């Protein structure tokens, strides 16, 4: 009898988690109110240079993200004026768990749960949050190549690897916005092997004539196509936009 009660209790907890996740997802994509996006800075390699950079950060560094969503939301006819409200949390002194090198489903599931628990334990923001983005910054001279950033729909949180240098603020904001859209259900619009934007869904203007070079990047493609086999990452979020397919995925088109 005790075993049956324990199983029923676990099923009840799982049902509550599923209902809460579903209701949060519905609220986060109905766009009736601004989404509170909180950015948590982390010094990725205990760098003195990055530490100074983090100390200098303010919400003004991330204002271009709000501007992009305000302009793009207006273009899609959203009733809400400011779709996202980006806030800056105090620095987090712990590093997030590293994702598994293998694609083993059990290992990935365990890591996902571990990450959500870690995020809960290290939430340094005293206020509401709909999406949490942990921005792990590195010295570009010491870490020229960064690990892949991640945005999880389950838990509405992301881990973004960026450079702790003001000249990379624009590029960092592109990655932050990209991973934020992942938490809302948007999919990547680039080829996983070549990193080239997928045509037509990964092009800012797939009907442009001539097609190349494009002037902007579709945010979920993350690159500006210059030719069929050449592209570049935008150095500012002002050079990105949200394409129709992404708008459909996040509830901007019905």
C-alpha atoms as a PDB file:
ATOM      1  CA  UNK A   1       0.000   0.000   0.000  1.00  0.00           C
ATOM      2  CA  UNK A   2       2.833   2.405   0.904  1.00  0.00           C
ATOM      3  CA  UNK A   3       4.525   1.746  -2.442  1.00  0.00           C
ATOM      4  CA  UNK A   4       1.300   2.506  -4.326  1.00  0.00           C
ATOM      5  CA  UNK A   5       0.804   5.738  -2.373  1.00  0.00           C
ATOM      6  CA  UNK A   6       4.377   6.807  -3.146  1.00  0.00           C
ATOM      7  CA  UNK A   7       3.861   6.167  -6.858  1.00  0.00           C
ATOM      8  CA  UNK A   8       0.596   8.112  -6.805  1.00  0.00           C
ATOM      9  CA  UNK A   9       2.304  10.994  -5.035  1.00  0.00           C
ATOM     10  CA  UNK A  10       5.120  11.092  -7.607  1.00  0.00           C
ATOM     11  CA  UNK A  11       2.578  11.024 -10.432  1.00  0.00           C
ATOM     12  CA  UNK A  12       0.731  13.902  -8.773  1.00  0.00           C
ATOM     13  CA  UNK A  13       3.953  15.935  -8.505  1.00  0.00           C
ATOM     14  CA  UNK A  14       4.788  15.260 -12.156  1.00  0.00           C
ATOM     15  CA  UNK A  15       1.276  16.321 -13.145  1.00  0.00           C
ATOM     16  CA  UNK A  16       1.626  19.576 -11.203  1.00  0.00           C
ATOM     17  CA  UNK A  17       5.008  20.257 -12.863  1.00  0.00           C
ATOM     18  CA  UNK A  18       3.525  19.568 -16.304  1.00  0.00           C
ATOM     19  CA  UNK A  19       0.535  21.851 -15.659  1.00  0.00           C
ATOM     20  CA  UNK A  20       2.770  24.630 -14.289  1.00  0.00           C
ATOM     21  CA  UNK A  21       5.135  24.356 -17.266  1.00  0.00           C
ATOM     22  CA  UNK A  22       2.233  24.456 -19.725  1.00  0.00           C
ATOM     23  CA  UNK A  23       0.557  27.432 -18.065  1.00  0.00           C
ATOM     24  CA  UNK A  24       3.861  29.348 -17.884  1.00  0.00           C
ATOM     25  CA  UNK A  25       4.540  28.634 -21.547  1.00  0.00           C
ATOM     26  CA  UNK A  26       1.068  29.852 -22.508  1.00  0.00           C
ATOM     27  CA  UNK A  27       1.498  33.048 -20.477  1.00  0.00           C
ATOM     28  CA  UNK A  28       4.983  33.700 -21.862  1.00  0.00           C
ATOM     29  CA  UNK A  29       3.806  33.482 -25.463  1.00  0.00           C
ATOM     30  CA  UNK A  30       0.447  35.255 -25.332  1.00  0.00           C
ATOM     31  CA  UNK A  31       2.290  38.632 -25.347  1.00  0.00           C
ATOM     32  CA  UNK A  32      -0.352  40.386 -23.279  1.00  0.00           C
ATOM     33  CA  UNK A  33       2.293  41.700 -20.864  1.00  0.00           C
ATOM     34  CA  UNK A  34       6.029  42.385 -21.133  1.00  0.00           C
ATOM     35  CA  UNK A  35       8.287  39.422 -20.444  1.00  0.00           C
ATOM     36  CA  UNK A  36      10.786  40.026 -17.658  1.00  0.00           C
ATOM     37  CA  UNK A  37      14.146  38.860 -19.000  1.00  0.00           C
ATOM     38  CA  UNK A  38      16.840  38.790 -16.322  1.00  0.00           C
ATOM     39  CA  UNK A  39      20.547  38.553 -17.167  1.00  0.00           C
ATOM     40  CA  UNK A  40      22.901  37.089 -14.585  1.00  0.00           C
ATOM     41  CA  UNK A  41      26.594  37.900 -15.252  1.00  0.00           C
ATOM     42  CA  UNK A  42      29.252  35.304 -14.384  1.00  0.00           C
ATOM     43  CA  UNK A  43      33.046  35.538 -14.537  1.00  0.00           C
ATOM     44  CA  UNK A  44      33.772  32.395 -16.525  1.00  0.00           C
ATOM     45  CA  UNK A  45      37.476  31.990 -15.752  1.00  0.00           C
ATOM     46  CA  UNK A  46      38.052  34.167 -12.690  1.00  0.00           C
ATOM     47  CA  UNK A  47      39.595  36.871 -14.864  1.00  0.00           C
ATOM     48  CA  UNK A  48      40.454  40.289 -13.422  1.00  0.00           C
ATOM     49  CA  UNK A  49      39.691  41.883 -16.809  1.00  0.00           C
ATOM     50  CA  UNK A  50      36.274  40.243 -16.959  1.00  0.00           C
ATOM     51  CA  UNK A  51      35.635  41.176 -13.331  1.00  0.00           C
ATOM     52  CA  UNK A  52      36.106  44.853 -14.193  1.00  0.00           C
ATOM     53  CA  UNK A  53      33.843  44.443 -17.196  1.00  0.00           C
ATOM     54  CA  UNK A  54      31.071  42.884 -15.101  1.00  0.00           C
ATOM     55  CA  UNK A  55      31.358  45.661 -12.523  1.00  0.00           C
ATOM     56  CA  UNK A  56      30.849  48.197 -15.324  1.00  0.00           C
ATOM     57  CA  UNK A  57      27.687  46.565 -16.690  1.00  0.00           C
ATOM     58  CA  UNK A  58      24.322  48.253 -16.401  1.00  0.00           C
ATOM     59  CA  UNK A  59      20.930  47.642 -17.966  1.00  0.00           C
ATOM     60  CA  UNK A  60      21.871  50.182 -20.646  1.00  0.00           C
ATOM     61  CA  UNK A  61      24.232  47.567 -22.121  1.00  0.00           C
ATOM     62  CA  UNK A  62      21.216  45.410 -22.959  1.00  0.00           C
ATOM     63  CA  UNK A  63      18.799  48.139 -24.033  1.00  0.00           C
ATOM     64  CA  UNK A  64      19.352  47.315 -27.752  1.00  0.00           C
ATOM     65  CA  UNK A  65      17.623  43.966 -27.115  1.00  0.00           C
ATOM     66  CA  UNK A  66      14.524  45.787 -25.904  1.00  0.00           C
ATOM     67  CA  UNK A  67      14.696  48.106 -28.912  1.00  0.00           C
ATOM     68  CA  UNK A  68      14.865  45.210 -31.360  1.00  0.00           C
ATOM     69  CA  UNK A  69      11.844  43.503 -29.836  1.00  0.00           C
ATOM     70  CA  UNK A  70       9.903  46.752 -29.645  1.00  0.00           C
ATOM     71  CA  UNK A  71      10.533  47.499 -33.326  1.00  0.00           C
ATOM     72  CA  UNK A  72       9.987  43.949 -34.530  1.00  0.00           C
ATOM     73  CA  UNK A  73       6.882  43.496 -32.385  1.00  0.00           C
ATOM     74  CA  UNK A  74       5.423  46.658 -33.881  1.00  0.00           C
ATOM     75  CA  UNK A  75       6.196  45.400 -37.384  1.00  0.00           C
ATOM     76  CA  UNK A  76       4.203  42.236 -36.639  1.00  0.00           C
ATOM     77  CA  UNK A  77       1.307  44.202 -35.213  1.00  0.00           C
ATOM     78  CA  UNK A  78       1.678  43.258 -31.545  1.00  0.00           C
ATOM     79  CA  UNK A  79      -0.666  45.238 -29.331  1.00  0.00           C
ATOM     80  CA  UNK A  80       1.938  45.457 -26.575  1.00  0.00           C
ATOM     81  CA  UNK A  81       4.452  48.266 -27.000  1.00  0.00           C
ATOM     82  CA  UNK A  82       7.386  46.701 -25.154  1.00  0.00           C
ATOM     83  CA  UNK A  83       7.407  42.893 -25.528  1.00  0.00           C
ATOM     84  CA  UNK A  84      10.445  42.401 -23.266  1.00  0.00           C
ATOM     85  CA  UNK A  85      11.845  44.188 -20.232  1.00  0.00           C
ATOM     86  CA  UNK A  86      15.519  43.313 -19.718  1.00  0.00           C
ATOM     87  CA  UNK A  87      16.923  43.508 -16.195  1.00  0.00           C
ATOM     88  CA  UNK A  88      20.423  42.959 -14.823  1.00  0.00           C
ATOM     89  CA  UNK A  89      20.913  40.763 -11.756  1.00  0.00           C
ATOM     90  CA  UNK A  90      23.836  40.922  -9.334  1.00  0.00           C
ATOM     91  CA  UNK A  91      26.842  38.849 -10.324  1.00  0.00           C
ATOM     92  CA  UNK A  92      26.592  35.092  -9.775  1.00  0.00           C
ATOM     93  CA  UNK A  93      29.715  33.583  -8.219  1.00  0.00           C
ATOM     94  CA  UNK A  94      29.057  29.973  -9.217  1.00  0.00           C
ATOM     95  CA  UNK A  95      29.451  28.377 -12.649  1.00  0.00           C
ATOM     96  CA  UNK A  96      26.593  26.456 -14.287  1.00  0.00           C
ATOM     97  CA  UNK A  97      26.936  22.694 -14.791  1.00  0.00           C
ATOM     98  CA  UNK A  98      28.651  21.753 -18.044  1.00  0.00           C
ATOM     99  CA  UNK A  99      26.406  19.960 -20.575  1.00  0.00           C
ATOM    100  CA  UNK A 100      27.339  16.348 -21.370  1.00  0.00           C
ATOM    101  CA  UNK A 101      29.717  15.780 -24.266  1.00  0.00           C
ATOM    102  CA  UNK A 102      27.606  12.881 -25.505  1.00  0.00           C
ATOM    103  CA  UNK A 103      24.041  13.114 -26.718  1.00  0.00           C
ATOM    104  CA  UNK A 104      22.902  10.363 -24.372  1.00  0.00           C
ATOM    105  CA  UNK A 105      19.250  11.187 -23.564  1.00  0.00           C
ATOM    106  CA  UNK A 106      19.572  10.181 -19.900  1.00  0.00           C
ATOM    107  CA  UNK A 107      22.717  12.283 -19.457  1.00  0.00           C
ATOM    108  CA  UNK A 108      21.054  15.258 -21.134  1.00  0.00           C
ATOM    109  CA  UNK A 109      17.928  14.879 -18.998  1.00  0.00           C
ATOM    110  CA  UNK A 110      20.018  14.709 -15.815  1.00  0.00           C
ATOM    111  CA  UNK A 111      22.031  17.765 -16.870  1.00  0.00           C
ATOM    112  CA  UNK A 112      18.825  19.690 -17.626  1.00  0.00           C
ATOM    113  CA  UNK A 113      17.450  18.940 -14.163  1.00  0.00           C
ATOM    114  CA  UNK A 114      20.802  19.768 -12.578  1.00  0.00           C
ATOM    115  CA  UNK A 115      20.927  23.092 -14.444  1.00  0.00           C
ATOM    116  CA  UNK A 116      17.441  24.080 -13.323  1.00  0.00           C
ATOM    117  CA  UNK A 117      18.293  23.209  -9.730  1.00  0.00           C
ATOM    118  CA  UNK A 118      21.554  25.162  -9.983  1.00  0.00           C
ATOM    119  CA  UNK A 119      19.689  28.158 -11.453  1.00  0.00           C
ATOM    120  CA  UNK A 120      17.216  28.072  -8.576  1.00  0.00           C
ATOM    121  CA  UNK A 121      20.031  27.917  -5.998  1.00  0.00           C
ATOM    122  CA  UNK A 122      21.948  30.778  -7.643  1.00  0.00           C
ATOM    123  CA  UNK A 123      19.133  33.176  -8.459  1.00  0.00           C
ATOM    124  CA  UNK A 124      20.587  36.518  -7.360  1.00  0.00           C
ATOM    125  CA  UNK A 125      17.739  38.705  -8.655  1.00  0.00           C
ATOM    126  CA  UNK A 126      15.294  40.168  -6.156  1.00  0.00           C
ATOM    127  CA  UNK A 127      12.247  40.503  -8.367  1.00  0.00           C
ATOM    128  CA  UNK A 128      10.062  38.776 -10.937  1.00  0.00           C
ATOM    129  CA  UNK A 129      11.552  36.898 -13.877  1.00  0.00           C
ATOM    130  CA  UNK A 130       9.978  35.083 -16.814  1.00  0.00           C
ATOM    131  CA  UNK A 131      13.238  34.169 -18.561  1.00  0.00           C
ATOM    132  CA  UNK A 132      16.633  33.802 -16.897  1.00  0.00           C
ATOM    133  CA  UNK A 133      19.811  34.112 -18.971  1.00  0.00           C
ATOM    134  CA  UNK A 134      23.104  33.297 -17.255  1.00  0.00           C
ATOM    135  CA  UNK A 135      25.766  35.221 -19.196  1.00  0.00           C
ATOM    136  CA  UNK A 136      29.187  33.626 -18.705  1.00  0.00           C
ATOM    137  CA  UNK A 137      31.863  36.095 -19.799  1.00  0.00           C
ATOM    138  CA  UNK A 138      35.444  35.338 -20.836  1.00  0.00           C
ATOM    139  CA  UNK A 139      38.514  37.356 -21.749  1.00  0.00           C
ATOM    140  CA  UNK A 140      38.642  37.253 -25.586  1.00  0.00           C
ATOM    141  CA  UNK A 141      42.462  37.208 -25.526  1.00  0.00           C
ATOM    142  CA  UNK A 142      42.505  34.139 -23.291  1.00  0.00           C
ATOM    143  CA  UNK A 143      39.458  32.347 -24.734  1.00  0.00           C
ATOM    144  CA  UNK A 144      39.095  33.163 -28.446  1.00  0.00           C
ATOM    145  CA  UNK A 145      36.785  30.168 -28.962  1.00  0.00           C
ATOM    146  CA  UNK A 146      33.701  29.799 -26.796  1.00  0.00           C
ATOM    147  CA  UNK A 147      31.486  26.820 -26.075  1.00  0.00           C
ATOM    148  CA  UNK A 148      28.035  26.724 -27.650  1.00  0.00           C
ATOM    149  CA  UNK A 149      25.385  28.753 -25.849  1.00  0.00           C
ATOM    150  CA  UNK A 150      22.088  27.127 -24.867  1.00  0.00           C
ATOM    151  CA  UNK A 151      18.476  28.156 -24.365  1.00  0.00           C
ATOM    152  CA  UNK A 152      16.059  25.711 -22.728  1.00  0.00           C
ATOM    153  CA  UNK A 153      12.307  25.854 -23.155  1.00  0.00           C
ATOM    154  CA  UNK A 154      11.897  23.747 -20.029  1.00  0.00           C
ATOM    155  CA  UNK A 155      12.591  26.151 -17.215  1.00  0.00           C
ATOM    156  CA  UNK A 156      12.803  29.209 -19.499  1.00  0.00           C
ATOM    157  CA  UNK A 157      16.492  29.651 -18.883  1.00  0.00           C
ATOM    158  CA  UNK A 158      19.667  29.881 -20.923  1.00  0.00           C
ATOM    159  CA  UNK A 159      23.430  29.766 -20.547  1.00  0.00           C
ATOM    160  CA  UNK A 160      25.126  32.264 -22.846  1.00  0.00           C
ATOM    161  CA  UNK A 161      28.880  32.364 -23.380  1.00  0.00           C
ATOM    162  CA  UNK A 162      30.188  35.796 -24.312  1.00  0.00           C
ATOM    163  CA  UNK A 163      33.206  38.084 -24.197  1.00  0.00           C
ATOM    164  CA  UNK A 164      33.884  40.387 -21.268  1.00  0.00           C
ATOM    165  CA  UNK A 165      34.835  43.367 -23.373  1.00  0.00           C
ATOM    166  CA  UNK A 166      32.702  46.370 -24.341  1.00  0.00           C
ATOM    167  CA  UNK A 167      33.575  46.113 -28.019  1.00  0.00           C
ATOM    168  CA  UNK A 168      31.752  42.766 -28.074  1.00  0.00           C
ATOM    169  CA  UNK A 169      28.544  44.064 -26.475  1.00  0.00           C
ATOM    170  CA  UNK A 170      26.693  44.043 -29.790  1.00  0.00           C
ATOM    171  CA  UNK A 171      27.656  40.454 -30.567  1.00  0.00           C
ATOM    172  CA  UNK A 172      26.869  39.357 -27.014  1.00  0.00           C
ATOM    173  CA  UNK A 173      23.381  40.856 -27.334  1.00  0.00           C
ATOM    174  CA  UNK A 174      22.775  38.919 -30.557  1.00  0.00           C
ATOM    175  CA  UNK A 175      23.544  35.645 -28.762  1.00  0.00           C
ATOM    176  CA  UNK A 176      21.495  36.611 -25.694  1.00  0.00           C
ATOM    177  CA  UNK A 177      18.442  37.412 -27.846  1.00  0.00           C
ATOM    178  CA  UNK A 178      18.932  34.229 -29.884  1.00  0.00           C
ATOM    179  CA  UNK A 179      18.969  32.010 -26.793  1.00  0.00           C
ATOM    180  CA  UNK A 180      16.073  33.933 -25.276  1.00  0.00           C
ATOM    181  CA  UNK A 181      13.965  33.045 -28.321  1.00  0.00           C
ATOM    182  CA  UNK A 182      14.947  29.393 -27.880  1.00  0.00           C
ATOM    183  CA  UNK A 183      13.292  29.452 -24.452  1.00  0.00           C
ATOM    184  CA  UNK A 184      10.090  30.615 -26.160  1.00  0.00           C
ATOM    185  CA  UNK A 185      10.095  27.772 -28.684  1.00  0.00           C
ATOM    186  CA  UNK A 186      12.009  29.247 -31.629  1.00  0.00           C
ATOM    187  CA  UNK A 187      14.208  26.825 -33.571  1.00  0.00           C
ATOM    188  CA  UNK A 188      17.629  27.349 -35.133  1.00  0.00           C
ATOM    189  CA  UNK A 189      17.571  28.504 -38.758  1.00  0.00           C
ATOM    190  CA  UNK A 190      21.121  27.502 -39.713  1.00  0.00           C
ATOM    191  CA  UNK A 191      22.750  24.300 -40.938  1.00  0.00           C
ATOM    192  CA  UNK A 192      24.280  22.429 -37.964  1.00  0.00           C
ATOM    193  CA  UNK A 193      27.431  21.487 -39.900  1.00  0.00           C
ATOM    194  CA  UNK A 194      28.221  24.567 -41.985  1.00  0.00           C
ATOM    195  CA  UNK A 195      26.525  27.184 -39.768  1.00  0.00           C
ATOM    196  CA  UNK A 196      25.171  28.770 -42.951  1.00  0.00           C
ATOM    197  CA  UNK A 197      21.678  30.243 -42.832  1.00  0.00           C
ATOM    198  CA  UNK A 198      18.937  27.978 -44.185  1.00  0.00           C
ATOM    199  CA  UNK A 199      17.091  29.302 -47.187  1.00  0.00           C
ATOM    200  CA  UNK A 200      14.449  30.701 -47.059  1.00  0.00           C
ATOM    201  CA  UNK A 201      13.614  30.523 -43.341  1.00  0.00           C
ATOM    202  CA  UNK A 202      17.050  31.710 -42.192  1.00  0.00           C
ATOM    203  CA  UNK A 203      17.203  34.749 -44.463  1.00  0.00           C
ATOM    204  CA  UNK A 204      16.159  38.208 -43.331  1.00  0.00           C
ATOM    205  CA  UNK A 205      14.879  38.981 -46.834  1.00  0.00           C
ATOM    206  CA  UNK A 206      14.503  35.763 -48.868  1.00  0.00           C
ATOM    207  CA  UNK A 207      12.782  37.683 -51.679  1.00  0.00           C
ATOM    208  CA  UNK A 208      15.576  40.218 -52.143  1.00  0.00           C
ATOM    209  CA  UNK A 209      16.839  40.625 -55.713  1.00  0.00           C
ATOM    210  CA  UNK A 210      19.665  39.986 -56.153  1.00  0.00           C
ATOM    211  CA  UNK A 211      19.610  37.637 -53.170  1.00  0.00           C
ATOM    212  CA  UNK A 212      23.187  38.428 -52.087  1.00  0.00           C
ATOM    213  CA  UNK A 213      24.557  40.055 -50.142  1.00  0.00           C
ATOM    214  CA  UNK A 214      21.896  40.270 -47.450  1.00  0.00           C
ATOM    215  CA  UNK A 215      22.083  43.308 -45.169  1.00  0.00           C
ATOM    216  CA  UNK A 216      20.650  41.709 -42.007  1.00  0.00           C
ATOM    217  CA  UNK A 217      20.635  38.376 -40.218  1.00  0.00           C
ATOM    218  CA  UNK A 218      17.519  36.472 -39.242  1.00  0.00           C
ATOM    219  CA  UNK A 219      18.018  36.267 -35.477  1.00  0.00           C
ATOM    220  CA  UNK A 220      17.643  32.485 -35.247  1.00  0.00           C
ATOM    221  CA  UNK A 221      20.093  32.005 -38.131  1.00  0.00           C
ATOM    222  CA  UNK A 222      22.595  34.331 -36.482  1.00  0.00           C
ATOM    223  CA  UNK A 223      24.510  35.146 -39.663  1.00  0.00           C
ATOM    224  CA  UNK A 224      24.255  37.590 -42.546  1.00  0.00           C
ATOM    225  CA  UNK A 225      24.475  35.632 -45.838  1.00  0.00           C
ATOM    226  CA  UNK A 226      26.968  37.307 -48.170  1.00  0.00           C
ATOM    227  CA  UNK A 227      26.900  34.593 -50.854  1.00  0.00           C
ATOM    228  CA  UNK A 228      25.648  31.027 -51.149  1.00  0.00           C
ATOM    229  CA  UNK A 229      28.580  29.726 -49.099  1.00  0.00           C
ATOM    230  CA  UNK A 230      29.788  32.759 -47.168  1.00  0.00           C
ATOM    231  CA  UNK A 231      28.306  34.667 -44.266  1.00  0.00           C
ATOM    232  CA  UNK A 232      29.280  36.729 -41.256  1.00  0.00           C
ATOM    233  CA  UNK A 233      27.980  37.189 -37.744  1.00  0.00           C
ATOM    234  CA  UNK A 234      26.434  40.620 -37.130  1.00  0.00           C
ATOM    235  CA  UNK A 235      28.439  42.794 -34.760  1.00  0.00           C
ATOM    236  CA  UNK A 236      25.298  44.574 -33.548  1.00  0.00           C
ATOM    237  CA  UNK A 237      21.758  43.435 -32.863  1.00  0.00           C
ATOM    238  CA  UNK A 238      20.570  46.308 -35.060  1.00  0.00           C
ATOM    239  CA  UNK A 239      21.648  44.144 -38.000  1.00  0.00           C
ATOM    240  CA  UNK A 240      19.152  41.407 -37.103  1.00  0.00           C
ATOM    241  CA  UNK A 241      15.435  40.869 -37.438  1.00  0.00           C
ATOM    242  CA  UNK A 242      12.838  38.227 -36.618  1.00  0.00           C
ATOM    243  CA  UNK A 243      11.622  36.315 -39.656  1.00  0.00           C
ATOM    244  CA  UNK A 244       8.108  35.040 -40.287  1.00  0.00           C
ATOM    245  CA  UNK A 245       8.851  31.439 -39.294  1.00  0.00           C
ATOM    246  CA  UNK A 246      10.377  32.493 -35.977  1.00  0.00           C
ATOM    247  CA  UNK A 247       7.468  34.904 -35.406  1.00  0.00           C
ATOM    248  CA  UNK A 248       5.083  31.986 -35.916  1.00  0.00           C
ATOM    249  CA  UNK A 249       6.986  29.812 -33.448  1.00  0.00           C
ATOM    250  CA  UNK A 250       6.914  32.412 -30.669  1.00  0.00           C
ATOM    251  CA  UNK A 251       3.286  33.389 -31.143  1.00  0.00           C
ATOM    252  CA  UNK A 252       3.659  36.650 -33.034  1.00  0.00           C
ATOM    253  CA  UNK A 253       1.818  35.193 -36.004  1.00  0.00           C
ATOM    254  CA  UNK A 254      -1.320  33.083 -35.639  1.00  0.00           C
END
